[in-house]
Each structure stands twice: as structure tokens, then as C-alpha cells.
C-alpha atoms as a PDB file:
ATOM      1  CA  UNK A   1      17.096 -15.884  11.035  1.00  0.00           C
ATOM      2  CA  UNK A   2      14.144 -16.177   8.618  1.00  0.00           C
ATOM      3  CA  UNK A   3      11.902 -13.207   7.947  1.00  0.00           C
ATOM      4  CA  UNK A   4       8.460 -13.167   9.497  1.00  0.00           C
ATOM      5  CA  UNK A   5       5.375 -11.108   8.670  1.00  0.00           C
ATOM      6  CA  UNK A   6       4.843  -8.032  10.804  1.00  0.00           C
ATOM      7  CA  UNK A   7       2.378  -5.163  11.066  1.00  0.00           C
ATOM      8  CA  UNK A   8       5.214  -2.716  11.684  1.00  0.00           C
ATOM      9  CA  UNK A   9       6.234  -0.375   8.860  1.00  0.00           C
ATOM     10  CA  UNK A  10       9.756   0.933   9.269  1.00  0.00           C
ATOM     11  CA  UNK A  11      10.910   4.169   7.710  1.00  0.00           C
ATOM     12  CA  UNK A  12      14.095   5.944   6.686  1.00  0.00           C
ATOM     13  CA  UNK A  13      14.781   9.649   6.649  1.00  0.00           C
ATOM     14  CA  UNK A  14      13.807  11.344   3.403  1.00  0.00           C
ATOM     15  CA  UNK A  15      17.166  11.817   1.637  1.00  0.00           C
ATOM     16  CA  UNK A  16      15.917  14.954  -0.160  1.00  0.00           C
ATOM     17  CA  UNK A  17      13.704  16.896   2.248  1.00  0.00           C
ATOM     18  CA  UNK A  18      12.420  20.114   0.741  1.00  0.00           C
ATOM     19  CA  UNK A  19      12.316  18.657  -2.780  1.00  0.00           C
ATOM     20  CA  UNK A  20       9.003  17.534  -4.238  1.00  0.00           C
ATOM     21  CA  UNK A  21       9.408  14.130  -5.862  1.00  0.00           C
ATOM     22  CA  UNK A  22       7.332  11.027  -6.329  1.00  0.00           C
ATOM     23  CA  UNK A  23       8.048   7.449  -5.295  1.00  0.00           C
ATOM     24  CA  UNK A  24       6.194   4.624  -7.044  1.00  0.00           C
ATOM     25  CA  UNK A  25       6.076   1.084  -5.716  1.00  0.00           C
ATOM     26  CA  UNK A  26       4.376  -1.953  -7.218  1.00  0.00           C
ATOM     27  CA  UNK A  27       3.699  -5.081  -5.199  1.00  0.00           C
ATOM     28  CA  UNK A  28       2.259  -7.786  -7.499  1.00  0.00           C
ATOM     29  CA  UNK A  29       2.071 -10.570  -4.906  1.00  0.00           C
ATOM     30  CA  UNK A  30      -0.381  -9.260  -2.304  1.00  0.00           C
ATOM     31  CA  UNK A  31      -2.732 -11.858  -0.863  1.00  0.00           C
ATOM     32  CA  UNK A  32      -5.432 -11.914   1.773  1.00  0.00           C
ATOM     33  CA  UNK A  33      -8.411 -14.171   2.374  1.00  0.00           C
ATOM     34  CA  UNK A  34     -12.020 -13.632   1.399  1.00  0.00           C
ATOM     35  CA  UNK A  35     -13.826 -13.128   4.724  1.00  0.00           C
ATOM     36  CA  UNK A  36     -16.903 -14.946   3.385  1.00  0.00           C
ATOM     37  CA  UNK A  37     -15.336 -18.054   1.819  1.00  0.00           C
ATOM     38  CA  UNK A  38     -11.808 -18.200   3.244  1.00  0.00           C
ATOM     39  CA  UNK A  39     -10.412 -18.509  -0.288  1.00  0.00           C
ATOM     40  CA  UNK A  40      -7.341 -16.460  -1.234  1.00  0.00           C
ATOM     41  CA  UNK A  41      -7.689 -13.110  -2.965  1.00  0.00           C
ATOM     42  CA  UNK A  42      -4.754 -11.894  -5.061  1.00  0.00           C
ATOM     43  CA  UNK A  43      -3.931  -8.293  -5.913  1.00  0.00           C
ATOM     44  CA  UNK A  44      -1.308  -6.004  -7.289  1.00  0.00           C
ATOM     45  CA  UNK A  45      -0.834  -3.019  -4.991  1.00  0.00           C
ATOM     46  CA  UNK A  46       0.474   0.224  -6.458  1.00  0.00           C
ATOM     47  CA  UNK A  47       1.731   3.004  -4.249  1.00  0.00           C
ATOM     48  CA  UNK A  48       2.451   6.539  -5.463  1.00  0.00           C
ATOM     49  CA  UNK A  49       3.581   9.006  -2.843  1.00  0.00           C
ATOM     50  CA  UNK A  50       5.330  12.293  -2.270  1.00  0.00           C
ATOM     51  CA  UNK A  51       7.437  11.756   0.829  1.00  0.00           C
ATOM     52  CA  UNK A  52       7.327  14.022   3.813  1.00  0.00           C
ATOM     53  CA  UNK A  53      10.001  13.610   6.481  1.00  0.00           C
ATOM     54  CA  UNK A  54      10.253   9.824   6.008  1.00  0.00           C
ATOM     55  CA  UNK A  55      10.149   7.145   3.314  1.00  0.00           C
ATOM     56  CA  UNK A  56       8.923   3.606   3.889  1.00  0.00           C
ATOM     57  CA  UNK A  57      11.719   1.043   4.073  1.00  0.00           C
ATOM     58  CA  UNK A  58      11.010  -1.542   1.376  1.00  0.00           C
ATOM     59  CA  UNK A  59      11.741  -4.794   3.219  1.00  0.00           C
ATOM     60  CA  UNK A  60       9.457  -3.728   6.036  1.00  0.00           C
ATOM     61  CA  UNK A  61       6.732  -2.992   3.460  1.00  0.00           C
ATOM     62  CA  UNK A  62       7.143  -6.512   2.076  1.00  0.00           C
ATOM     63  CA  UNK A  63       6.856  -8.067   5.549  1.00  0.00           C
ATOM     64  CA  UNK A  64       3.932  -5.801   6.404  1.00  0.00           C
ATOM     65  CA  UNK A  65       1.999  -6.831   3.291  1.00  0.00           C
ATOM     66  CA  UNK A  66       2.817 -10.472   4.001  1.00  0.00           C
ATOM     67  CA  UNK A  67       1.022 -10.129   7.352  1.00  0.00           C
ATOM     68  CA  UNK A  68      -2.346  -9.995   5.549  1.00  0.00           C
ATOM     69  CA  UNK A  69      -1.865 -13.373   3.869  1.00  0.00           C
ATOM     70  CA  UNK A  70      -3.873 -15.406   6.392  1.00  0.00           C
ATOM     71  CA  UNK A  71      -6.372 -12.715   7.340  1.00  0.00           C
ATOM     72  CA  UNK A  72      -9.905 -12.298   6.054  1.00  0.00           C
ATOM     73  CA  UNK A  73     -10.424  -8.826   4.616  1.00  0.00           C
ATOM     74  CA  UNK A  74     -12.819  -7.106   2.273  1.00  0.00           C
ATOM     75  CA  UNK A  75     -11.031  -5.394  -0.617  1.00  0.00           C
ATOM     76  CA  UNK A  76     -12.248  -1.931   0.329  1.00  0.00           C
ATOM     77  CA  UNK A  77     -11.288  -2.255   3.980  1.00  0.00           C
ATOM     78  CA  UNK A  78      -7.831  -3.722   3.485  1.00  0.00           C
ATOM     79  CA  UNK A  79      -6.926  -0.989   0.984  1.00  0.00           C
ATOM     80  CA  UNK A  80      -7.859   1.757   3.445  1.00  0.00           C
ATOM     81  CA  UNK A  81      -6.099   0.002   6.347  1.00  0.00           C
ATOM     82  CA  UNK A  82      -2.894  -0.184   4.312  1.00  0.00           C
ATOM     83  CA  UNK A  83      -3.209   3.499   3.397  1.00  0.00           C
ATOM     84  CA  UNK A  84      -3.839   4.499   7.027  1.00  0.00           C
ATOM     85  CA  UNK A  85      -0.857   2.505   8.320  1.00  0.00           C
ATOM     86  CA  UNK A  86       1.414   3.963   5.614  1.00  0.00           C
ATOM     87  CA  UNK A  87       0.312   7.513   6.491  1.00  0.00           C
ATOM     88  CA  UNK A  88       0.835   6.880  10.199  1.00  0.00           C
ATOM     89  CA  UNK A  89       4.343   5.495   9.649  1.00  0.00           C
ATOM     90  CA  UNK A  90       5.748   7.832   6.990  1.00  0.00           C
ATOM     91  CA  UNK A  91       3.573  10.987   7.044  1.00  0.00           C
ATOM     92  CA  UNK A  92       3.714  11.514   3.257  1.00  0.00           C
ATOM     93  CA  UNK A  93       2.612  14.838   1.798  1.00  0.00           C
ATOM     94  CA  UNK A  94       0.381  12.885  -0.580  1.00  0.00           C
ATOM     95  CA  UNK A  95      -0.223   9.194  -1.229  1.00  0.00           C
ATOM     96  CA  UNK A  96      -2.378   7.055  -3.476  1.00  0.00           C
ATOM     97  CA  UNK A  97      -2.829   3.317  -2.961  1.00  0.00           C
ATOM     98  CA  UNK A  98      -4.429   1.302  -5.748  1.00  0.00           C
ATOM     99  CA  UNK A  99      -5.389  -2.292  -5.022  1.00  0.00           C
ATOM    100  CA  UNK A 100      -6.054  -4.149  -8.284  1.00  0.00           C
ATOM    101  CA  UNK A 101      -7.599  -7.482  -7.301  1.00  0.00           C
ATOM    102  CA  UNK A 102      -7.704 -10.479  -9.625  1.00  0.00           C
ATOM    103  CA  UNK A 103     -11.045 -11.540 -11.022  1.00  0.00           C
ATOM    104  CA  UNK A 104     -13.124 -13.462  -8.498  1.00  0.00           C
ATOM    105  CA  UNK A 105     -16.572 -14.799  -9.362  1.00  0.00           C
ATOM    106  CA  UNK A 106     -16.516 -12.858 -12.620  1.00  0.00           C
ATOM    107  CA  UNK A 107     -15.851  -9.510 -10.891  1.00  0.00           C
ATOM    108  CA  UNK A 108     -12.658  -7.478 -11.204  1.00  0.00           C
ATOM    109  CA  UNK A 109     -12.218  -5.048  -8.306  1.00  0.00           C
ATOM    110  CA  UNK A 110      -9.968  -1.990  -8.199  1.00  0.00           C
ATOM    111  CA  UNK A 111      -9.923   0.150  -5.049  1.00  0.00           C
ATOM    112  CA  UNK A 112      -8.160   3.537  -5.126  1.00  0.00           C
ATOM    113  CA  UNK A 113      -7.603   5.429  -1.871  1.00  0.00           C
ATOM    114  CA  UNK A 114      -5.740   8.696  -1.351  1.00  0.00           C
ATOM    115  CA  UNK A 115      -4.544  10.933   1.460  1.00  0.00           C
ATOM    116  CA  UNK A 116      -3.451  14.550   1.258  1.00  0.00           C
ATOM    117  CA  UNK A 117      -3.435  16.857  -1.735  1.00  0.00           C
ATOM    118  CA  UNK A 118      -1.450  15.867  -4.811  1.00  0.00           C
ATOM    119  CA  UNK A 119       1.182  18.517  -5.563  1.00  0.00           C
ATOM    120  CA  UNK A 120       0.919  20.196  -8.988  1.00  0.00           C
ATOM    121  CA  UNK A 121       4.344  18.759  -9.895  1.00  0.00           C
ATOM    122  CA  UNK A 122       2.997  15.197  -9.686  1.00  0.00           C
ATOM    123  CA  UNK A 123       1.186  13.960 -12.786  1.00  0.00           C
ATOM    124  CA  UNK A 124      -2.343  12.655 -12.474  1.00  0.00           C
ATOM    125  CA  UNK A 125      -2.802   9.039 -13.541  1.00  0.00           C
ATOM    126  CA  UNK A 126      -5.817   8.041 -15.628  1.00  0.00           C
END
């Protein structure tokens, strides 16, 4: 049965509860549509998070991100929606989502959104 896009993020139990550690994910093939022109916008999404009780299951993240492909979305809004859905599904202690959109009309857009307080053990990125 072929995979289909979905807005559902599945999770797995954190295999090391009680330990502070960071998970980094990079998704270089994110696409959505410009809500003004209908043309595709391309981005690399970077996730950094300290898991709480659950971790996001990676195939479900792929299918979730795929669900934005045919939807019009402003860069700022889609970044925050992805962050909110991730927080709702996995309840991380801390998370940062960076959406690095390709140049469009001579403008390069990077949107960084966070939730929670970064633990001292997790390095700050420039």
C-alpha cells in the first residue's frame, strides 16, 4: 500500500527518559505553496529537540511534512504550525524549528521558532 500524506504525527516512547539529550533532524525537501501566487516554496527544515516522554517517529514526520505540499502557507505561519503540532504530539522539554526557505523574488527567508526552555546541557546554535 503506498504512503499518503497525513497531518498525524506518531510518536514512540522516549528510550532514555530521565536523561537530557538532544535529537537533531534535517528535512531538506519541504515544500508548500505561496498563498499569493500558487508557486512552490522550497525549504530545509531543521529540528532540534530535547525529548520529553515521547519522540517523533520519523516516517510519520515525513508524511506529515508531505501534507503541506499542495497547501498555500506563509513561511512564518507554516513554521509555527509545524512547531505547535510537534509540541502537541511529542511534548518535548525544548524544541527549535528552523525553516530555511530558498530564495524567492530575491529574498531569502529563515524562520526560527522555539518552545520551552533550552536545558544548559544543550549547546546554543549561532
